[in-house]
């Protein structure tokens, strides 16, 4: 059985796939095509360049067509590959984990800034990541804080014990009625439980913030990711739980207030 890429060279396969993706309004057509050709052939960028004029084998053509069809039905490249880079770390994914997104690196940045502004920035720290999923936030923080100790939980803050210097979370915050309007890559491929934040998108914060505040030690920090219009409400939850707002929410690269942080005052 022949496939659309049978007889193509590596370079013509990449160009053909790019054109197919563009025709189907995939924004990152060229990048996605390069990554999937590399995945089908087991080649990195250098290998793709070196092998540009080589003709695909029948097995390679079949693999590439399978990957192409999955992308054309809206499956994200990260899901197809089963991995995604975050904070420079390659993370494995499963159907039960959210694909880590660049916006979430804002949470890591704010957490590190607030820790460094704390009373003892150089001592070993205890960190909890609530709703850890792929472990992206916690692993990024541990890579930046090699002496820190971290716990990741995906069930409940109540499952944690002891006090923590830092608690981070990227909880579900999409309003239930808005989920149907999300991009196919998110709506049909990310786990619903990691997206649905209830009718106003704030259900997780109502439960999380008070519990987290009780688990923080004196001077400890809570940093959470929020939706595009939720920072003020989440700040109010933090203040109600006795946390001090030292600095404004941190914006992501698009200018959206993405990470909100509060500090527990010494009693």
Foldseek 3Di string as FASTA:
>chain_A
DAAPQAFPFLQVQLVVQLVVCVVLVDPPSNVLSVVLLCVLVVHDPVRSVVRRGPRDDRSSRVSSVVLSVCVSVPADSCAVVQWDAALNDIFGADLAADHDDPLCVLLLVVQLVLLVVFDCNQDAWEEEEELCGRVRSVVSNCVVNVRYHYDYDNPDLVVDDAAGQEYEYAAAQAAPVCLVVDRCNPNVRHDPRRHYLYRRRCNVLLRPQLSNLVRHDAFHKYKYFYDQPCQVVSVVSNVVSQWAFPDGADAGPVRGRTMGMTTHHHD
